[in-house]
Amino acid sequence: MLKKVCAVFLVLCCPALSSAGMLVIVAESSPLAQMDRHEVRQLYMDNASRFGGYTVTVLDMPEGSQQRERFYEGATGKSASQLKSYWARMIFTGQGMPPRQVKNARDMVQQVKQNPDAVGYVQESDLQEGLRVLLRLP
């Protein structure tokens, strides 16, 4: 019981010890206003080029990055190895290609800001002016 109380106290009083959530983002000039988790999952697993009647460009973090792993676990419930297997199967069968990868979080922010069609994700700490949050993932 004491351990549980201490753990709750640390999480509430020391937010730095808890990990920041992931944010699905677009440029402020984007016509998209919000998405739910199911829509984000569909967008990233199908690498869709349209959403809500608008053209979209789906951006992804580099393979092996912690942000990418946290995003996919939060948005799709899939691990990095499951994701790799999924895309290998989709590519092999000709049913799809994975989203375009950016270099890092800074590149993600820059590309999303410059392209109103782009949809990406970042940690809360990487959020900047000029971006709109469509969804917060735990």
C-alpha atoms as a PDB file:
ATOM      1  CA  MET A   1       0.000   0.000   0.000  1.00  0.00           C
ATOM      2  CA  LEU A   2       2.809   2.412   0.916  1.00  0.00           C
ATOM      3  CA  LYS A   3       4.546   1.679  -2.385  1.00  0.00           C
ATOM      4  CA  LYS A   4       1.402   2.601  -4.317  1.00  0.00           C
ATOM      5  CA  VAL A   5       1.000   5.858  -2.402  1.00  0.00           C
ATOM      6  CA  CYS A   6       4.651   6.758  -3.037  1.00  0.00           C
ATOM      7  CA  ALA A   7       4.344   5.979  -6.742  1.00  0.00           C
ATOM      8  CA  VAL A   8       1.224   8.141  -7.094  1.00  0.00           C
ATOM      9  CA  PHE A   9       2.915  10.958  -5.157  1.00  0.00           C
ATOM     10  CA  LEU A  10       5.989  10.858  -7.429  1.00  0.00           C
ATOM     11  CA  VAL A  11       3.916  10.928 -10.616  1.00  0.00           C
ATOM     12  CA  LEU A  12       1.759  13.814  -9.386  1.00  0.00           C
ATOM     13  CA  CYS A  13       4.514  15.886  -7.815  1.00  0.00           C
ATOM     14  CA  CYS A  14       7.332  15.177 -10.263  1.00  0.00           C
ATOM     15  CA  PRO A  15       5.949  15.405 -13.795  1.00  0.00           C
ATOM     16  CA  ALA A  16       9.470  15.066 -15.217  1.00  0.00           C
ATOM     17  CA  LEU A  17       9.466  11.457 -14.031  1.00  0.00           C
ATOM     18  CA  SER A  18       6.416  10.622 -16.109  1.00  0.00           C
ATOM     19  CA  SER A  19       6.875  10.474 -19.852  1.00  0.00           C
ATOM     20  CA  ALA A  20       5.363  13.180 -21.992  1.00  0.00           C
ATOM     21  CA  GLY A  21       2.588  12.215 -24.338  1.00  0.00           C
ATOM     22  CA  MET A  22       2.763  12.145 -28.105  1.00  0.00           C
ATOM     23  CA  LEU A  23       0.886  14.694 -30.188  1.00  0.00           C
ATOM     24  CA  VAL A  24      -0.522  14.246 -33.685  1.00  0.00           C
ATOM     25  CA  ILE A  25       0.090  17.576 -35.396  1.00  0.00           C
ATOM     26  CA  VAL A  26      -0.629  19.630 -38.513  1.00  0.00           C
ATOM     27  CA  ALA A  27       0.252  23.176 -39.560  1.00  0.00           C
ATOM     28  CA  GLU A  28      -2.016  25.940 -38.270  1.00  0.00           C
ATOM     29  CA  SER A  29      -2.992  26.558 -41.906  1.00  0.00           C
ATOM     30  CA  SER A  30      -4.234  22.969 -42.308  1.00  0.00           C
ATOM     31  CA  PRO A  31      -7.975  22.487 -42.839  1.00  0.00           C
ATOM     32  CA  LEU A  32      -7.921  19.502 -40.445  1.00  0.00           C
ATOM     33  CA  ALA A  33      -9.264  20.249 -36.961  1.00  0.00           C
ATOM     34  CA  GLN A  34      -9.122  16.972 -35.031  1.00  0.00           C
ATOM     35  CA  MET A  35      -8.764  13.199 -35.236  1.00  0.00           C
ATOM     36  CA  ASP A  36      -9.541  10.330 -32.949  1.00  0.00           C
ATOM     37  CA  ARG A  37      -7.223   7.412 -32.228  1.00  0.00           C
ATOM     38  CA  HIS A  38      -8.997   5.131 -34.703  1.00  0.00           C
ATOM     39  CA  GLU A  39      -8.607   7.685 -37.507  1.00  0.00           C
ATOM     40  CA  VAL A  40      -4.904   8.162 -36.720  1.00  0.00           C
ATOM     41  CA  ARG A  41      -4.398   4.393 -36.730  1.00  0.00           C
ATOM     42  CA  GLN A  42      -6.134   4.131 -40.088  1.00  0.00           C
ATOM     43  CA  LEU A  43      -4.160   7.042 -41.529  1.00  0.00           C
ATOM     44  CA  TYR A  44      -0.777   5.598 -40.487  1.00  0.00           C
ATOM     45  CA  MET A  45      -1.438   1.914 -41.118  1.00  0.00           C
ATOM     46  CA  ASP A  46      -2.946   2.522 -44.553  1.00  0.00           C
ATOM     47  CA  ASN A  47      -0.640   5.466 -45.367  1.00  0.00           C
ATOM     48  CA  ALA A  48      -3.758   7.192 -46.672  1.00  0.00           C
ATOM     49  CA  SER A  49      -3.435  10.123 -49.034  1.00  0.00           C
ATOM     50  CA  ARG A  50      -6.863  11.582 -48.175  1.00  0.00           C
ATOM     51  CA  PHE A  51      -8.627  12.303 -44.901  1.00  0.00           C
ATOM     52  CA  GLY A  52     -11.913  14.097 -44.320  1.00  0.00           C
ATOM     53  CA  GLY A  53     -12.062  15.082 -47.983  1.00  0.00           C
ATOM     54  CA  TYR A  54      -8.590  16.671 -47.899  1.00  0.00           C
ATOM     55  CA  THR A  55      -5.285  15.542 -49.382  1.00  0.00           C
ATOM     56  CA  VAL A  56      -2.764  14.567 -46.698  1.00  0.00           C
ATOM     57  CA  THR A  57       0.916  13.671 -46.604  1.00  0.00           C
ATOM     58  CA  VAL A  58       1.666  11.318 -43.711  1.00  0.00           C
ATOM     59  CA  LEU A  59       5.099  11.806 -42.102  1.00  0.00           C
ATOM     60  CA  ASP A  60       6.874   9.330 -39.843  1.00  0.00           C
ATOM     61  CA  MET A  61       9.892   9.394 -37.540  1.00  0.00           C
ATOM     62  CA  PRO A  62      12.918   7.267 -38.489  1.00  0.00           C
ATOM     63  CA  GLU A  63      12.798   3.548 -37.868  1.00  0.00           C
ATOM     64  CA  GLY A  64      14.284   2.714 -34.471  1.00  0.00           C
ATOM     65  CA  SER A  65      13.527   6.089 -32.862  1.00  0.00           C
ATOM     66  CA  GLN A  66      11.912   6.059 -29.421  1.00  0.00           C
ATOM     67  CA  GLN A  67       9.324   8.605 -30.542  1.00  0.00           C
ATOM     68  CA  ARG A  68       8.226   6.321 -33.361  1.00  0.00           C
ATOM     69  CA  GLU A  69       7.942   3.331 -31.045  1.00  0.00           C
ATOM     70  CA  ARG A  70       5.929   5.308 -28.465  1.00  0.00           C
ATOM     71  CA  PHE A  71       3.677   6.764 -31.147  1.00  0.00           C
ATOM     72  CA  TYR A  72       2.817   3.423 -32.757  1.00  0.00           C
ATOM     73  CA  GLU A  73       2.246   1.704 -29.431  1.00  0.00           C
ATOM     74  CA  GLY A  74      -0.093   4.527 -28.397  1.00  0.00           C
ATOM     75  CA  ALA A  75      -1.886   4.939 -31.728  1.00  0.00           C
ATOM     76  CA  THR A  76      -2.018   1.356 -33.005  1.00  0.00           C
ATOM     77  CA  GLY A  77      -1.045  -0.930 -30.139  1.00  0.00           C
ATOM     78  CA  LYS A  78       1.730  -2.402 -32.300  1.00  0.00           C
ATOM     79  CA  SER A  79       5.369  -2.836 -31.317  1.00  0.00           C
ATOM     80  CA  ALA A  80       8.289  -1.886 -33.565  1.00  0.00           C
ATOM     81  CA  SER A  81       8.794  -5.497 -34.669  1.00  0.00           C
ATOM     82  CA  GLN A  82       5.080  -5.954 -35.435  1.00  0.00           C
ATOM     83  CA  LEU A  83       5.135  -2.751 -37.452  1.00  0.00           C
ATOM     84  CA  LYS A  84       8.190  -3.844 -39.438  1.00  0.00           C
ATOM     85  CA  SER A  85       6.539  -7.174 -40.205  1.00  0.00           C
ATOM     86  CA  TYR A  86       3.291  -5.452 -41.219  1.00  0.00           C
ATOM     87  CA  TRP A  87       5.017  -3.126 -43.708  1.00  0.00           C
ATOM     88  CA  ALA A  88       7.195  -5.910 -45.117  1.00  0.00           C
ATOM     89  CA  ARG A  89       4.020  -7.873 -45.862  1.00  0.00           C
ATOM     90  CA  MET A  90       2.234  -4.817 -47.351  1.00  0.00           C
ATOM     91  CA  ILE A  91       5.191  -3.965 -49.603  1.00  0.00           C
ATOM     92  CA  PHE A  92       5.718  -7.591 -50.689  1.00  0.00           C
ATOM     93  CA  THR A  93       2.053  -8.017 -51.654  1.00  0.00           C
ATOM     94  CA  GLY A  94       1.909  -4.625 -53.371  1.00  0.00           C
ATOM     95  CA  GLN A  95      -0.821  -3.395 -51.050  1.00  0.00           C
ATOM     96  CA  GLY A  96       0.938  -0.323 -49.725  1.00  0.00           C
ATOM     97  CA  MET A  97       4.011   1.651 -48.798  1.00  0.00           C
ATOM     98  CA  PRO A  98       4.885   3.048 -45.367  1.00  0.00           C
ATOM     99  CA  PRO A  99       4.670   6.785 -44.637  1.00  0.00           C
ATOM    100  CA  ARG A 100       7.601   8.975 -45.650  1.00  0.00           C
ATOM    101  CA  GLN A 101      10.235   9.200 -42.924  1.00  0.00           C
ATOM    102  CA  VAL A 102      11.756  12.445 -41.678  1.00  0.00           C
ATOM    103  CA  LYS A 103      15.247  12.751 -40.113  1.00  0.00           C
ATOM    104  CA  ASN A 104      14.266  13.757 -36.562  1.00  0.00           C
ATOM    105  CA  ALA A 105      11.776  15.785 -34.498  1.00  0.00           C
ATOM    106  CA  ARG A 106      13.145  19.107 -35.727  1.00  0.00           C
ATOM    107  CA  ASP A 107      12.721  17.979 -39.339  1.00  0.00           C
ATOM    108  CA  MET A 108       9.183  16.754 -38.547  1.00  0.00           C
ATOM    109  CA  VAL A 109       8.212  20.155 -37.119  1.00  0.00           C
ATOM    110  CA  GLN A 110       9.763  22.014 -40.055  1.00  0.00           C
ATOM    111  CA  GLN A 111       8.088  19.859 -42.708  1.00  0.00           C
ATOM    112  CA  VAL A 112       4.682  20.011 -41.021  1.00  0.00           C
ATOM    113  CA  LYS A 113       4.889  23.805 -40.641  1.00  0.00           C
ATOM    114  CA  GLN A 114       5.822  24.219 -44.329  1.00  0.00           C
ATOM    115  CA  ASN A 115       3.161  21.891 -45.737  1.00  0.00           C
ATOM    116  CA  PRO A 116      -0.517  22.384 -44.799  1.00  0.00           C
ATOM    117  CA  ASP A 117      -1.223  18.860 -46.146  1.00  0.00           C
ATOM    118  CA  ALA A 118       1.302  17.193 -43.799  1.00  0.00           C
ATOM    119  CA  VAL A 119       0.283  15.157 -40.748  1.00  0.00           C
ATOM    120  CA  GLY A 120       2.980  14.166 -38.263  1.00  0.00           C
ATOM    121  CA  TYR A 121       3.642  13.551 -34.587  1.00  0.00           C
ATOM    122  CA  VAL A 122       6.006  14.833 -31.913  1.00  0.00           C
ATOM    123  CA  GLN A 123       6.499  14.662 -28.174  1.00  0.00           C
ATOM    124  CA  GLU A 124       4.731  17.405 -26.219  1.00  0.00           C
ATOM    125  CA  SER A 125       8.107  19.010 -25.494  1.00  0.00           C
ATOM    126  CA  ASP A 126       8.700  19.499 -29.255  1.00  0.00           C
ATOM    127  CA  LEU A 127       5.442  21.389 -29.864  1.00  0.00           C
ATOM    128  CA  GLN A 128       6.019  24.848 -31.359  1.00  0.00           C
ATOM    129  CA  GLU A 129       4.051  27.861 -32.455  1.00  0.00           C
ATOM    130  CA  GLY A 130       2.592  27.378 -35.924  1.00  0.00           C
ATOM    131  CA  LEU A 131       1.385  23.832 -35.209  1.00  0.00           C
ATOM    132  CA  ARG A 132      -2.094  22.566 -34.335  1.00  0.00           C
ATOM    133  CA  VAL A 133      -2.670  19.473 -32.192  1.00  0.00           C
ATOM    134  CA  LEU A 134      -5.215  17.038 -33.623  1.00  0.00           C
ATOM    135  CA  LEU A 135      -4.865  14.353 -30.941  1.00  0.00           C
ATOM    136  CA  ARG A 136      -2.962  13.735 -27.710  1.00  0.00           C
ATOM    137  CA  LEU A 137      -1.811  10.161 -27.150  1.00  0.00           C
ATOM    138  CA  PRO A 138      -0.772   8.866 -23.704  1.00  0.00           C
END
